[in-house]
């Protein structure tokens, strides 16, 4: 929801030990605008049918939105961003202290799921 500028992405990569040249090269790929719509779903039981339905829904939604927006929905930078976002939420979902950086919508889902 907040987004990340190329400068922020570059600073994060350098902080993690990446060379300045490599951070300069990758920063535009790791930047993203904020305030983008997202979809979050919860299910009551983890059954084969529910997992299949969730996967089918997610793949269809991702592909359809990408076609409408004219983008590649399965690019590596998007996958990396998803991992980064999930890893940031993991401590809160495992019962730790909730991050103060969460937007209201995400915080409400974390409260509901924990």
C-alpha atoms as a PDB file:
ATOM      1  CA  UNK A   1       0.000   0.000   0.000  1.00  0.00           C
ATOM      2  CA  UNK A   2       2.839   2.370   0.763  1.00  0.00           C
ATOM      3  CA  UNK A   3       5.029   1.682  -2.274  1.00  0.00           C
ATOM      4  CA  UNK A   4       8.794   1.942  -2.592  1.00  0.00           C
ATOM      5  CA  UNK A   5      10.891   4.375  -4.615  1.00  0.00           C
ATOM      6  CA  UNK A   6      13.972   3.352  -6.571  1.00  0.00           C
ATOM      7  CA  UNK A   7      16.086   5.252  -4.036  1.00  0.00           C
ATOM      8  CA  UNK A   8      14.560   3.285  -1.139  1.00  0.00           C
ATOM      9  CA  UNK A   9      15.065  -0.006  -2.980  1.00  0.00           C
ATOM     10  CA  UNK A  10      18.682   0.924  -3.735  1.00  0.00           C
ATOM     11  CA  UNK A  11      19.356   1.836  -0.086  1.00  0.00           C
ATOM     12  CA  UNK A  12      17.866  -1.476   1.128  1.00  0.00           C
ATOM     13  CA  UNK A  13      20.029  -3.494  -1.252  1.00  0.00           C
ATOM     14  CA  UNK A  14      23.202  -1.633  -0.247  1.00  0.00           C
ATOM     15  CA  UNK A  15      22.303  -2.107   3.447  1.00  0.00           C
ATOM     16  CA  UNK A  16      22.044  -5.875   2.779  1.00  0.00           C
ATOM     17  CA  UNK A  17      25.559  -5.891   1.311  1.00  0.00           C
ATOM     18  CA  UNK A  18      24.962  -5.543  -2.428  1.00  0.00           C
ATOM     19  CA  UNK A  19      27.475  -3.511  -4.425  1.00  0.00           C
ATOM     20  CA  UNK A  20      26.532   0.030  -5.439  1.00  0.00           C
ATOM     21  CA  UNK A  21      26.707  -0.863  -9.135  1.00  0.00           C
ATOM     22  CA  UNK A  22      24.417  -3.875  -8.750  1.00  0.00           C
ATOM     23  CA  UNK A  23      21.990  -1.891  -6.559  1.00  0.00           C
ATOM     24  CA  UNK A  24      21.874   0.855  -9.207  1.00  0.00           C
ATOM     25  CA  UNK A  25      21.086  -1.743 -11.872  1.00  0.00           C
ATOM     26  CA  UNK A  26      18.333  -3.486  -9.891  1.00  0.00           C
ATOM     27  CA  UNK A  27      16.702  -0.537  -8.102  1.00  0.00           C
ATOM     28  CA  UNK A  28      14.249   0.344 -10.918  1.00  0.00           C
ATOM     29  CA  UNK A  29      13.004  -3.263 -10.936  1.00  0.00           C
ATOM     30  CA  UNK A  30      12.406  -3.297  -7.209  1.00  0.00           C
ATOM     31  CA  UNK A  31      10.536   0.004  -7.030  1.00  0.00           C
ATOM     32  CA  UNK A  32       6.735   0.001  -7.086  1.00  0.00           C
ATOM     33  CA  UNK A  33       3.954   2.546  -6.639  1.00  0.00           C
ATOM     34  CA  UNK A  34       1.662   2.448  -3.644  1.00  0.00           C
ATOM     35  CA  UNK A  35      -2.129   2.438  -3.388  1.00  0.00           C
ATOM     36  CA  UNK A  36      -2.684  -0.547  -5.659  1.00  0.00           C
ATOM     37  CA  UNK A  37      -5.653  -2.841  -5.243  1.00  0.00           C
ATOM     38  CA  UNK A  38      -5.036  -6.305  -3.846  1.00  0.00           C
ATOM     39  CA  UNK A  39      -7.120  -9.352  -3.107  1.00  0.00           C
ATOM     40  CA  UNK A  40      -7.081 -11.263   0.160  1.00  0.00           C
ATOM     41  CA  UNK A  41      -9.245 -14.296   0.839  1.00  0.00           C
ATOM     42  CA  UNK A  42      -9.662 -16.549   3.857  1.00  0.00           C
ATOM     43  CA  UNK A  43     -11.144 -20.041   3.973  1.00  0.00           C
ATOM     44  CA  UNK A  44     -12.660 -21.952   6.873  1.00  0.00           C
ATOM     45  CA  UNK A  45     -11.104 -25.340   6.096  1.00  0.00           C
ATOM     46  CA  UNK A  46      -8.003 -26.377   4.176  1.00  0.00           C
ATOM     47  CA  UNK A  47      -9.482 -29.049   1.913  1.00  0.00           C
ATOM     48  CA  UNK A  48      -8.322 -30.181  -1.535  1.00  0.00           C
ATOM     49  CA  UNK A  49     -11.389 -28.525  -3.064  1.00  0.00           C
ATOM     50  CA  UNK A  50     -10.747 -25.220  -1.298  1.00  0.00           C
ATOM     51  CA  UNK A  51      -7.080 -25.185  -2.302  1.00  0.00           C
ATOM     52  CA  UNK A  52      -7.975 -25.967  -5.914  1.00  0.00           C
ATOM     53  CA  UNK A  53     -10.590 -23.221  -5.974  1.00  0.00           C
ATOM     54  CA  UNK A  54      -8.176 -20.689  -4.474  1.00  0.00           C
ATOM     55  CA  UNK A  55      -5.447 -21.556  -6.974  1.00  0.00           C
ATOM     56  CA  UNK A  56      -7.839 -21.364  -9.907  1.00  0.00           C
ATOM     57  CA  UNK A  57      -9.208 -18.033  -8.709  1.00  0.00           C
ATOM     58  CA  UNK A  58      -5.760 -16.558  -8.120  1.00  0.00           C
ATOM     59  CA  UNK A  59      -4.357 -17.645 -11.487  1.00  0.00           C
ATOM     60  CA  UNK A  60      -7.426 -16.413 -13.363  1.00  0.00           C
ATOM     61  CA  UNK A  61      -7.487 -13.065 -11.541  1.00  0.00           C
ATOM     62  CA  UNK A  62      -3.760 -12.533 -12.020  1.00  0.00           C
ATOM     63  CA  UNK A  63      -3.873 -13.364 -15.718  1.00  0.00           C
ATOM     64  CA  UNK A  64      -7.040 -11.353 -16.434  1.00  0.00           C
ATOM     65  CA  UNK A  65      -5.780  -8.240 -14.633  1.00  0.00           C
ATOM     66  CA  UNK A  66      -2.421  -8.487 -16.387  1.00  0.00           C
ATOM     67  CA  UNK A  67      -4.050  -8.693 -19.808  1.00  0.00           C
ATOM     68  CA  UNK A  68      -6.142  -5.620 -19.013  1.00  0.00           C
ATOM     69  CA  UNK A  69      -3.094  -3.721 -17.736  1.00  0.00           C
ATOM     70  CA  UNK A  70      -0.749  -4.946 -20.480  1.00  0.00           C
ATOM     71  CA  UNK A  71       1.862  -6.354 -18.076  1.00  0.00           C
ATOM     72  CA  UNK A  72       3.624  -9.657 -17.451  1.00  0.00           C
ATOM     73  CA  UNK A  73       1.973 -11.060 -14.295  1.00  0.00           C
ATOM     74  CA  UNK A  74       4.640 -13.662 -13.678  1.00  0.00           C
ATOM     75  CA  UNK A  75       7.801 -11.542 -13.736  1.00  0.00           C
ATOM     76  CA  UNK A  76      10.553 -12.341 -11.257  1.00  0.00           C
ATOM     77  CA  UNK A  77      10.495  -8.889  -9.644  1.00  0.00           C
ATOM     78  CA  UNK A  78       6.840  -9.270  -8.726  1.00  0.00           C
ATOM     79  CA  UNK A  79       7.569 -12.683  -7.222  1.00  0.00           C
ATOM     80  CA  UNK A  80      10.434 -11.213  -5.207  1.00  0.00           C
ATOM     81  CA  UNK A  81       8.200  -8.389  -3.972  1.00  0.00           C
ATOM     82  CA  UNK A  82       5.556 -10.893  -2.872  1.00  0.00           C
ATOM     83  CA  UNK A  83       8.150 -12.852  -0.893  1.00  0.00           C
ATOM     84  CA  UNK A  84       9.428  -9.674   0.736  1.00  0.00           C
ATOM     85  CA  UNK A  85       5.926  -8.579   1.723  1.00  0.00           C
ATOM     86  CA  UNK A  86       5.038 -12.033   3.072  1.00  0.00           C
ATOM     87  CA  UNK A  87       8.248 -12.248   5.103  1.00  0.00           C
ATOM     88  CA  UNK A  88       7.493  -8.854   6.654  1.00  0.00           C
ATOM     89  CA  UNK A  89       4.063 -10.111   7.803  1.00  0.00           C
ATOM     90  CA  UNK A  90       5.271 -13.484   9.077  1.00  0.00           C
ATOM     91  CA  UNK A  91       6.246 -12.404  12.632  1.00  0.00           C
ATOM     92  CA  UNK A  92       2.825 -10.800  13.159  1.00  0.00           C
ATOM     93  CA  UNK A  93       1.034 -13.879  11.820  1.00  0.00           C
ATOM     94  CA  UNK A  94       3.075 -16.178  14.056  1.00  0.00           C
ATOM     95  CA  UNK A  95       1.802 -14.364  17.140  1.00  0.00           C
ATOM     96  CA  UNK A  96       4.543 -11.784  17.537  1.00  0.00           C
ATOM     97  CA  UNK A  97       4.011  -8.093  17.992  1.00  0.00           C
ATOM     98  CA  UNK A  98       2.165  -6.464  15.107  1.00  0.00           C
ATOM     99  CA  UNK A  99       4.268  -4.092  13.043  1.00  0.00           C
ATOM    100  CA  UNK A 100       3.356  -0.416  13.339  1.00  0.00           C
ATOM    101  CA  UNK A 101       3.998  -0.057   9.582  1.00  0.00           C
ATOM    102  CA  UNK A 102       0.869  -1.993   8.594  1.00  0.00           C
ATOM    103  CA  UNK A 103      -1.952  -0.161   6.880  1.00  0.00           C
ATOM    104  CA  UNK A 104      -5.409  -0.452   8.476  1.00  0.00           C
ATOM    105  CA  UNK A 105      -6.667  -3.113   6.062  1.00  0.00           C
ATOM    106  CA  UNK A 106      -3.668  -5.410   6.516  1.00  0.00           C
ATOM    107  CA  UNK A 107      -3.701  -4.922  10.291  1.00  0.00           C
ATOM    108  CA  UNK A 108      -7.379  -5.917  10.416  1.00  0.00           C
ATOM    109  CA  UNK A 109      -6.651  -9.113   8.460  1.00  0.00           C
ATOM    110  CA  UNK A 110      -3.704  -9.984  10.692  1.00  0.00           C
ATOM    111  CA  UNK A 111      -5.929  -9.547  13.777  1.00  0.00           C
ATOM    112  CA  UNK A 112      -8.624 -11.717  12.199  1.00  0.00           C
ATOM    113  CA  UNK A 113      -6.204 -14.473  11.216  1.00  0.00           C
ATOM    114  CA  UNK A 114      -4.285 -14.660  14.500  1.00  0.00           C
END
